[in-house]
Protein backbone atom coordinates (compact mmCIF):
# COMPACT_ATOMS: atom_id res chain seq x y z
CA MET A 1 0.00 0.00 0.00
CA SER A 2 1.18 3.51 -0.71
CA HIS A 3 1.34 4.42 2.98
CA GLY A 4 3.49 1.43 3.91
CA PRO A 5 2.13 -1.72 5.57
CA ARG A 6 2.38 -0.58 9.17
CA SER A 7 1.07 2.96 8.74
CA GLY A 8 -1.57 1.77 6.25
CA LEU A 9 -2.94 -0.84 8.64
CA ALA A 10 -3.00 1.66 11.52
CA ALA A 11 -4.80 4.22 9.37
CA VAL A 12 -7.42 1.72 8.20
CA SER A 13 -7.97 0.54 11.77
CA SER A 14 -8.39 4.13 12.95
CA ALA A 15 -10.87 4.88 10.17
CA LEU A 16 -12.97 1.77 10.87
CA LEU A 17 -13.06 2.49 14.60
CA ALA A 18 -14.15 6.06 13.92
CA MET A 19 -17.04 4.86 11.74
CA SER A 20 -18.20 2.36 14.35
CA ARG A 21 -18.56 5.06 17.03
CA HIS A 22 -21.53 6.77 15.38
CA LEU A 23 -25.13 5.69 15.00
CA GLU A 24 -26.77 8.65 13.23
CA VAL A 25 -26.53 8.49 9.42
CA ARG A 26 -25.33 12.09 9.13
CA ASP A 27 -22.45 11.48 11.55
CA VAL A 28 -21.48 8.24 9.79
CA LEU A 29 -21.36 9.99 6.40
CA LYS A 30 -19.12 12.77 7.73
CA THR A 31 -16.79 10.24 9.36
CA ILE A 32 -16.50 8.13 6.20
CA VAL A 33 -15.59 11.16 4.09
CA ALA A 34 -13.06 12.55 6.55
CA SER A 35 -11.50 9.09 7.03
CA ALA A 36 -11.20 8.50 3.29
CA ARG A 37 -9.53 11.86 2.64
CA GLU A 38 -7.04 11.35 5.47
CA LEU A 39 -6.39 7.71 4.60
CA LEU A 40 -5.54 8.40 0.96
CA ASP A 41 -3.99 11.83 1.55
CA ALA A 42 -6.26 13.70 -0.87
CA GLN A 43 -7.22 17.37 -0.99
CA TYR A 44 -10.93 16.70 -1.41
CA ALA A 45 -13.40 13.96 -0.60
CA ALA A 46 -17.16 13.65 -1.04
CA LEU A 47 -19.88 11.08 -0.51
CA GLY A 48 -23.25 11.16 -2.22
CA VAL A 49 -26.35 9.20 -1.18
CA PRO A 50 -28.80 9.05 -4.11
CA ASP A 51 -32.47 9.87 -3.91
CA ASP A 52 -35.19 8.47 -6.18
CA HIS A 53 -35.46 11.57 -8.35
CA GLY A 54 -32.11 11.84 -10.13
CA GLY A 55 -30.43 13.84 -7.39
CA PHE A 56 -28.79 13.25 -4.03
CA ALA A 57 -30.65 12.89 -0.75
CA GLN A 58 -27.40 13.74 1.04
CA PHE A 59 -24.02 14.94 -0.19
CA VAL A 60 -21.20 15.34 2.30
CA VAL A 61 -17.84 16.95 1.51
CA ASP A 62 -14.48 17.28 3.27
CA GLY A 63 -11.72 19.70 2.33
CA VAL A 64 -14.11 22.45 1.27
CA SER A 65 -14.86 25.39 3.60
CA GLU A 66 -18.41 26.29 4.59
CA GLU A 67 -18.12 29.52 2.57
CA GLN A 68 -17.02 27.61 -0.53
CA TRP A 69 -19.77 25.07 -0.10
CA ARG A 70 -22.44 27.78 0.16
CA ALA A 71 -21.02 29.51 -2.92
CA ILE A 72 -21.09 26.27 -4.94
CA GLY A 73 -24.87 26.19 -4.63
CA PRO A 74 -27.44 23.38 -4.77
CA LEU A 75 -26.54 19.71 -4.44
CA PRO A 76 -25.32 18.15 -7.70
CA ARG A 77 -27.54 16.04 -9.90
CA GLN A 78 -26.67 12.49 -10.90
CA HIS A 79 -24.80 13.11 -14.13
CA GLY A 80 -21.36 12.58 -15.62
CA ILE A 81 -18.85 10.80 -13.39
CA LEU A 82 -21.24 10.93 -10.42
CA ALA A 83 -23.86 9.00 -12.35
CA ALA A 84 -21.25 6.48 -13.48
CA MET A 85 -20.40 5.69 -9.85
CA LEU A 86 -24.05 5.01 -9.06
CA HIS A 87 -25.27 3.27 -12.21
CA GLU A 88 -22.24 1.37 -13.51
CA ALA A 89 -21.15 0.40 -9.98
CA ARG A 90 -17.44 0.15 -10.65
CA ALA A 91 -14.35 2.02 -9.54
CA GLU A 92 -13.11 4.98 -11.60
CA ARG A 93 -9.48 6.13 -11.44
CA LEU A 94 -8.71 9.07 -13.74
CA ALA A 95 -5.59 11.13 -14.38
CA ASP A 96 -7.70 14.22 -15.14
CA VAL A 97 -11.44 14.13 -14.57
CA ARG A 98 -11.85 17.21 -16.77
CA LYS A 99 -10.67 15.28 -19.85
CA ASP A 100 -13.10 12.41 -19.38
CA PRO A 101 -15.82 12.45 -22.10
CA ARG A 102 -18.49 12.17 -19.40
CA PHE A 103 -17.33 15.35 -17.65
CA GLU A 104 -20.05 18.02 -17.74
CA GLY A 105 -18.42 20.84 -15.81
CA TRP A 106 -19.08 22.26 -12.36
CA PRO A 107 -20.21 25.55 -10.78
CA LYS A 108 -17.93 28.59 -10.85
CA ALA A 109 -17.08 28.40 -7.14
CA HIS A 110 -16.25 24.68 -7.32
CA PRO A 111 -12.59 23.82 -6.56
CA ASP A 112 -10.47 22.72 -9.51
CA LEU A 113 -10.12 18.93 -9.55
CA ALA A 114 -7.67 16.87 -11.58
CA ASP A 115 -6.80 13.28 -10.65
CA PHE A 116 -9.82 11.42 -9.37
CA LEU A 117 -10.72 8.17 -7.62
CA GLY A 118 -14.33 7.11 -7.16
CA LEU A 119 -15.94 3.98 -5.80
CA PRO A 120 -19.55 2.90 -5.21
CA ILE A 121 -20.70 1.90 -1.73
CA ARG A 122 -22.82 -1.22 -2.03
CA ASP A 123 -25.17 -3.10 0.24
CA GLY A 124 -25.49 -6.41 -1.60
CA ASP A 125 -26.66 -5.54 -5.10
CA GLU A 126 -27.87 -2.08 -4.12
CA VAL A 127 -25.65 0.98 -4.54
CA ILE A 128 -26.36 3.07 -1.45
CA GLY A 129 -23.76 5.75 -2.07
CA ALA A 130 -20.66 6.79 -3.95
CA LEU A 131 -17.33 7.91 -2.52
CA PHE A 132 -15.15 10.36 -4.43
CA LEU A 133 -11.58 11.56 -3.88
CA ALA A 134 -9.66 14.16 -5.86
CA ASN A 135 -6.22 15.79 -6.03
CA LYS A 136 -3.83 13.35 -4.38
CA ASN A 137 -1.13 15.13 -2.39
CA CYS A 138 1.85 13.62 -4.21
CA GLU A 139 4.10 13.88 -7.26
CA ARG A 140 2.11 12.68 -10.24
CA PRO A 141 3.69 10.57 -13.00
CA GLU A 142 3.78 12.25 -16.40
CA GLY A 143 0.27 12.05 -17.79
CA GLY A 144 -0.76 9.68 -15.01
CA CYS A 145 -2.97 9.66 -11.93
CA GLY A 146 -1.68 10.35 -8.45
CA PHE A 147 -3.98 7.67 -7.09
CA THR A 148 -2.57 4.14 -7.40
CA GLU A 149 -3.99 0.63 -7.56
CA ASP A 150 -3.06 0.30 -3.89
CA ASP A 151 -5.14 3.39 -3.14
CA GLU A 152 -8.05 1.88 -5.02
CA GLU A 153 -7.73 -1.35 -3.05
CA LEU A 154 -7.54 0.57 0.22
CA LEU A 155 -10.61 2.64 -0.66
CA GLY A 156 -12.41 -0.59 -1.57
CA ILE A 157 -11.80 -1.95 1.95
CA LEU A 158 -13.04 1.32 3.43
CA ALA A 159 -16.11 1.28 1.18
CA GLN A 160 -17.07 -2.23 2.30
CA HIS A 161 -16.96 -1.20 5.95
CA ALA A 162 -18.66 2.10 5.13
CA ALA A 163 -21.56 0.10 3.69
CA ILE A 164 -21.86 -1.83 6.96
CA ALA A 165 -21.65 1.34 9.07
CA LEU A 166 -24.16 3.19 6.88
CA THR A 167 -26.59 0.26 6.84
CA ASN A 168 -26.36 -0.10 10.62
CA ALA A 169 -26.96 3.64 11.05
CA ARG A 170 -30.02 3.47 8.80
CA LEU A 171 -31.39 0.51 10.76
CA TYR A 172 -30.78 2.38 14.00
CA GLU A 173 -32.61 5.46 12.72
CA ARG A 174 -35.52 3.36 11.45
CA SER A 175 -35.70 1.64 14.83
CA ARG A 176 -35.61 5.03 16.51
CA GLU A 177 -38.38 6.31 14.23
CA LEU A 178 -40.52 3.31 15.19
CA THR A 179 -39.82 3.99 18.86
CA ILE A 180 -40.79 7.65 18.39
CA ALA A 181 -43.96 6.62 16.55
CA GLU A 182 -44.87 4.26 19.38
CA GLU A 183 -44.14 6.98 21.92
CA ARG A 184 -46.28 9.45 20.00
CA SER A 185 -49.12 6.96 19.97
CA ARG A 186 -48.76 6.40 23.71
CA LEU A 187 -48.63 10.12 24.40
CA ALA A 188 -51.64 10.76 22.18
CA HIS A 189 -53.60 8.18 24.16
CA GLU A 190 -52.48 9.66 27.49
CA LEU A 191 -53.16 13.16 26.22
CA HIS A 192 -56.67 12.20 25.15
CA ASP A 193 -57.44 10.60 28.51
CA ALA A 194 -55.92 13.33 30.65
CA VAL A 195 -57.36 16.28 28.77
CA SER A 196 -60.75 14.60 28.34
CA GLN A 197 -60.99 14.15 32.11
CA LYS A 198 -59.98 17.75 32.75
CA LEU A 199 -62.45 19.08 30.18
CA PHE A 200 -65.25 16.91 31.57
CA SER A 201 -64.59 18.25 35.08
CA LEU A 202 -64.37 21.78 33.71
CA ARG A 203 -67.78 21.45 32.00
CA LEU A 204 -69.45 20.08 35.14
CA THR A 205 -67.95 22.83 37.28
CA ALA A 206 -69.02 25.52 34.81
CA GLN A 207 -72.58 24.12 34.82
CA ALA A 208 -72.62 24.17 38.64
CA ALA A 209 -71.41 27.79 38.62
CA ALA A 210 -74.16 28.76 36.17
CA ARG A 211 -76.84 27.28 38.45
CA LEU A 212 -75.43 29.11 41.50
CA VAL A 213 -74.96 32.57 39.96
CA ASP A 214 -78.39 33.88 40.98
CA ARG A 215 -79.04 32.19 44.31
CA ASP A 216 -75.49 31.91 45.76
CA PRO A 217 -73.02 34.30 44.06
CA SER A 218 -70.29 33.54 46.60
CA ARG A 219 -70.32 29.82 45.85
CA ALA A 220 -70.60 30.57 42.14
CA LYS A 221 -67.44 32.65 42.38
CA GLY A 222 -65.65 29.71 43.98
CA GLU A 223 -66.81 27.37 41.22
CA LEU A 224 -65.62 29.82 38.55
CA GLN A 225 -62.21 29.95 40.22
CA GLN A 226 -62.16 26.16 39.97
CA VAL A 227 -63.04 26.45 36.27
CA ALA A 228 -60.01 28.69 35.76
CA ALA A 229 -57.77 26.24 37.64
CA LEU A 230 -59.02 23.26 35.61
CA ALA A 231 -58.52 25.15 32.34
CA ALA A 232 -54.94 25.94 33.36
CA GLU A 233 -54.32 22.28 34.22
CA ALA A 234 -55.69 21.17 30.85
CA ALA A 235 -53.38 23.63 29.10
CA ASP A 236 -50.42 22.29 31.11
CA GLU A 237 -51.32 18.71 30.18
CA LEU A 238 -51.33 19.67 26.51
CA ARG A 239 -48.02 21.50 26.73
CA ALA A 240 -46.31 18.71 28.68
CA ALA A 241 -47.30 16.08 26.12
CA VAL A 242 -46.65 18.13 23.00
CA VAL A 243 -43.21 19.29 24.12
CA GLU A 244 -42.04 15.67 24.31
CA LEU A 245 -42.61 15.10 20.60
CA ARG A 246 -39.48 15.72 18.52
CA PRO A 247 -40.43 18.06 15.66
CA ALA A 248 -39.97 16.56 12.20
CA ALA A 249 -38.47 19.89 11.15
CA LEU A 250 -35.41 19.23 13.30
CA ASP A 251 -34.60 16.12 11.27
CA GLU A 252 -35.48 17.72 7.96
CA ASP A 253 -34.16 21.27 8.34
CA GLY A 254 -31.54 21.13 11.10
CA LEU A 255 -31.32 23.00 14.40
CA VAL A 256 -30.61 26.51 13.15
CA ALA A 257 -33.48 26.60 10.65
CA THR A 258 -35.89 25.00 13.14
CA LEU A 259 -35.02 27.50 15.87
CA ARG A 260 -35.31 30.42 13.47
CA THR A 261 -38.75 29.30 12.28
CA GLN A 262 -40.11 28.67 15.78
CA ILE A 263 -38.80 32.00 17.05
CA GLN A 264 -40.34 33.86 14.12
CA VAL A 265 -43.70 32.31 15.06
CA LEU A 266 -43.25 33.30 18.74
CA ASP A 267 -42.32 36.84 17.71
CA ARG A 268 -45.59 37.15 15.79
CA ALA A 269 -47.68 35.52 18.52
CA HIS A 270 -46.45 37.58 21.51
CA SER A 271 -46.21 41.26 22.28
CA ALA A 272 -42.55 40.82 23.31
CA ARG A 273 -39.89 41.17 20.62
CA VAL A 274 -38.26 37.76 20.10
CA THR A 275 -35.10 37.56 17.98
CA PHE A 276 -32.69 34.84 16.86
CA ALA A 277 -29.13 34.85 15.51
CA GLY A 278 -27.02 31.81 14.60
CA HIS A 279 -23.32 32.01 13.77
CA GLY A 280 -21.17 29.29 12.21
CA VAL A 281 -22.83 26.33 13.91
CA LYS A 282 -22.14 23.02 12.20
CA ALA A 283 -24.39 19.98 12.37
CA LEU A 284 -24.27 18.37 15.82
CA PRO A 285 -25.18 14.88 17.02
CA ALA A 286 -28.96 14.44 16.97
CA SER A 287 -29.20 14.04 20.76
CA GLN A 288 -27.43 17.38 21.30
CA GLU A 289 -29.55 19.22 18.73
CA GLU A 290 -32.73 17.91 20.33
CA ALA A 291 -31.53 18.89 23.82
CA LEU A 292 -30.64 22.41 22.64
CA LEU A 293 -34.05 22.81 21.01
CA ARG A 294 -35.90 21.61 24.11
CA VAL A 295 -33.95 23.92 26.43
CA ALA A 296 -34.61 26.84 24.09
CA GLN A 297 -38.34 26.02 24.06
CA GLU A 298 -38.54 25.76 27.87
CA ALA A 299 -36.56 28.97 28.42
CA LEU A 300 -38.68 30.84 25.87
CA HIS A 301 -41.87 29.58 27.49
CA ASN A 302 -40.70 30.89 30.87
CA ALA A 303 -39.61 34.24 29.47
CA LEU A 304 -42.79 34.85 27.47
CA ARG A 305 -45.33 33.48 29.95
CA HIS A 306 -43.90 34.40 33.33
CA SER A 307 -41.25 37.13 33.15
CA GLY A 308 -43.15 39.98 31.50
CA ALA A 309 -40.17 40.59 29.22
CA ASP A 310 -40.29 43.15 26.41
CA HIS A 311 -37.33 41.60 24.60
CA VAL A 312 -36.10 38.00 24.39
CA ASP A 313 -32.94 37.32 22.41
CA VAL A 314 -31.76 33.84 21.40
CA THR A 315 -28.30 33.20 19.98
CA LEU A 316 -26.64 29.97 18.88
CA ASP A 317 -22.90 30.21 18.30
CA ARG A 318 -20.16 27.80 17.44
CA ARG A 319 -17.72 27.12 20.28
CA GLY A 320 -14.86 24.79 19.44
CA GLY A 321 -16.37 21.69 17.88
CA GLY A 322 -19.67 22.26 19.64
CA ALA A 323 -22.14 25.07 20.25
CA VAL A 324 -23.44 27.42 22.91
CA LEU A 325 -27.08 28.48 23.19
CA ARG A 326 -27.97 31.68 25.04
CA ILE A 327 -31.46 32.94 25.88
CA THR A 328 -31.55 36.47 27.33
CA ASP A 329 -34.63 38.36 28.50
CA ASP A 330 -35.23 41.74 30.14
CA GLY A 331 -38.09 40.46 32.29
CA SER A 332 -38.72 40.42 36.03
CA GLY A 333 -35.97 37.93 36.79
CA PHE A 334 -35.88 35.79 39.93
CA ASP A 335 -33.63 34.52 42.69
CA PRO A 336 -32.50 31.02 41.59
CA GLN A 337 -31.77 29.98 45.17
CA ALA A 338 -35.17 31.11 46.44
CA VAL A 339 -36.91 29.32 43.58
CA ARG A 340 -35.03 26.11 44.41
CA HIS A 341 -35.82 26.31 48.14
CA ALA A 342 -39.48 27.00 47.44
CA GLY A 343 -39.72 23.89 45.29
CA ARG A 344 -40.57 25.97 42.21
CA HIS A 345 -38.13 25.16 39.45
CA LEU A 346 -39.50 27.02 36.37
CA GLY A 347 -38.31 24.03 34.33
CA LEU A 348 -34.71 24.49 35.50
CA VAL A 349 -34.39 20.88 36.65
CA SER A 350 -35.56 19.48 33.31
CA MET A 351 -33.30 21.90 31.42
CA ARG A 352 -30.28 20.82 33.47
CA ASP A 353 -31.21 17.17 32.96
CA ARG A 354 -31.44 17.68 29.21
CA ALA A 355 -28.09 19.47 29.12
CA SER A 356 -26.26 16.83 31.14
CA GLY A 357 -27.96 14.03 29.21
CA ALA A 358 -26.47 15.45 26.00
CA GLY A 359 -23.01 15.73 27.55
CA GLY A 360 -23.33 19.50 28.00
CA SER A 361 -23.76 22.04 30.77
CA LEU A 362 -26.34 24.67 31.75
CA THR A 363 -25.85 27.93 33.61
CA VAL A 364 -28.58 30.28 34.84
CA GLU A 365 -28.00 33.91 35.78
CA SER A 366 -30.93 35.91 37.11
CA VAL A 367 -31.58 38.76 39.55
CA PRO A 368 -35.03 40.01 40.55
CA GLY A 369 -35.88 43.00 38.37
CA LYS A 370 -32.89 42.51 36.07
CA GLY A 371 -33.87 39.75 33.68
CA THR A 372 -32.47 36.27 33.08
CA VAL A 373 -29.70 34.69 31.03
CA ILE A 374 -29.76 30.92 30.39
CA GLU A 375 -26.76 29.41 28.64
CA MET A 376 -26.30 25.84 27.48
CA GLU A 377 -23.10 24.46 25.94
CA VAL A 378 -22.59 21.11 24.19
CA PRO A 379 -19.26 19.68 23.04
CA GLY A 380 -20.26 18.51 19.56
CA GLY A 381 -19.48 15.11 18.04
């Protein structure tokens, strides 16, 4: 192998171990691409997972900056060399991809590629992806490709294990989806029972109050107070159940887009000004993204329902390989110690549990009359 037997074996072992550590498909794809680029010492690597409409459901790159990737534009279609990887299902090793008759060009911002090595990722007879490498960091033979037969063999080994890792990740996500569906069904049943009971009690109490209004106003007032309490309990039951359901938008759109959309809705629905800013945050493990979203939702609920804030600002910033979420409001604030001693937590316990469960941390700063700052940090994948 071009890296030498000892270093090549160590590199392959490291790459395979890295792939086996992840369960989410997105994380597996990123690990495969980064491992392939490092293993074969290439400038660029990419992995495309095809959809059923002539495009790519997912396309992950390594060696290209976020700015470059945004400038390149939409995901590529299945054409040219990319289509060959998916439909002919054989390896392609080219001295200059631009001179291949199947080459159809690329966007203006796309990096300039020359020597090229591509290989399909197969699960049995099905091609579930294609792995591409370009611009080997080496001296190229005159008119030849920097990638060698040994590189192709090495990438083939990686592709076989990538297929296993990707298939396992897909099975895990399908299993998780089934679990979520079952949990949604359970919650829907519980929600129906709990809210139905509350609404039934509320109706009976309201009827009693109506009968007492003329002959016993004092008792009627008490019954109406009970109506208000039951209505509040029913609302809490609804909120508690709904908040446990992971929004589909988080899986489809990612954390930043989901937060931005939800905050825009809150800004329209409340008199307080609610703003959001996200800076440079990369995709995080699914468990961390869900925890960040839930903490943001709980903190926003507290700020908008209880604090009397005029402004609530949410920011999500990159910090190292992870992210930090900050929710700041100019509301009434509170004494965290007094709240804890009084047994009133304002959701702080659940927020801390979510943060620690995702491997992160949560800090709360608040002073009566001076607003509240809640900050959650996660380490990333």
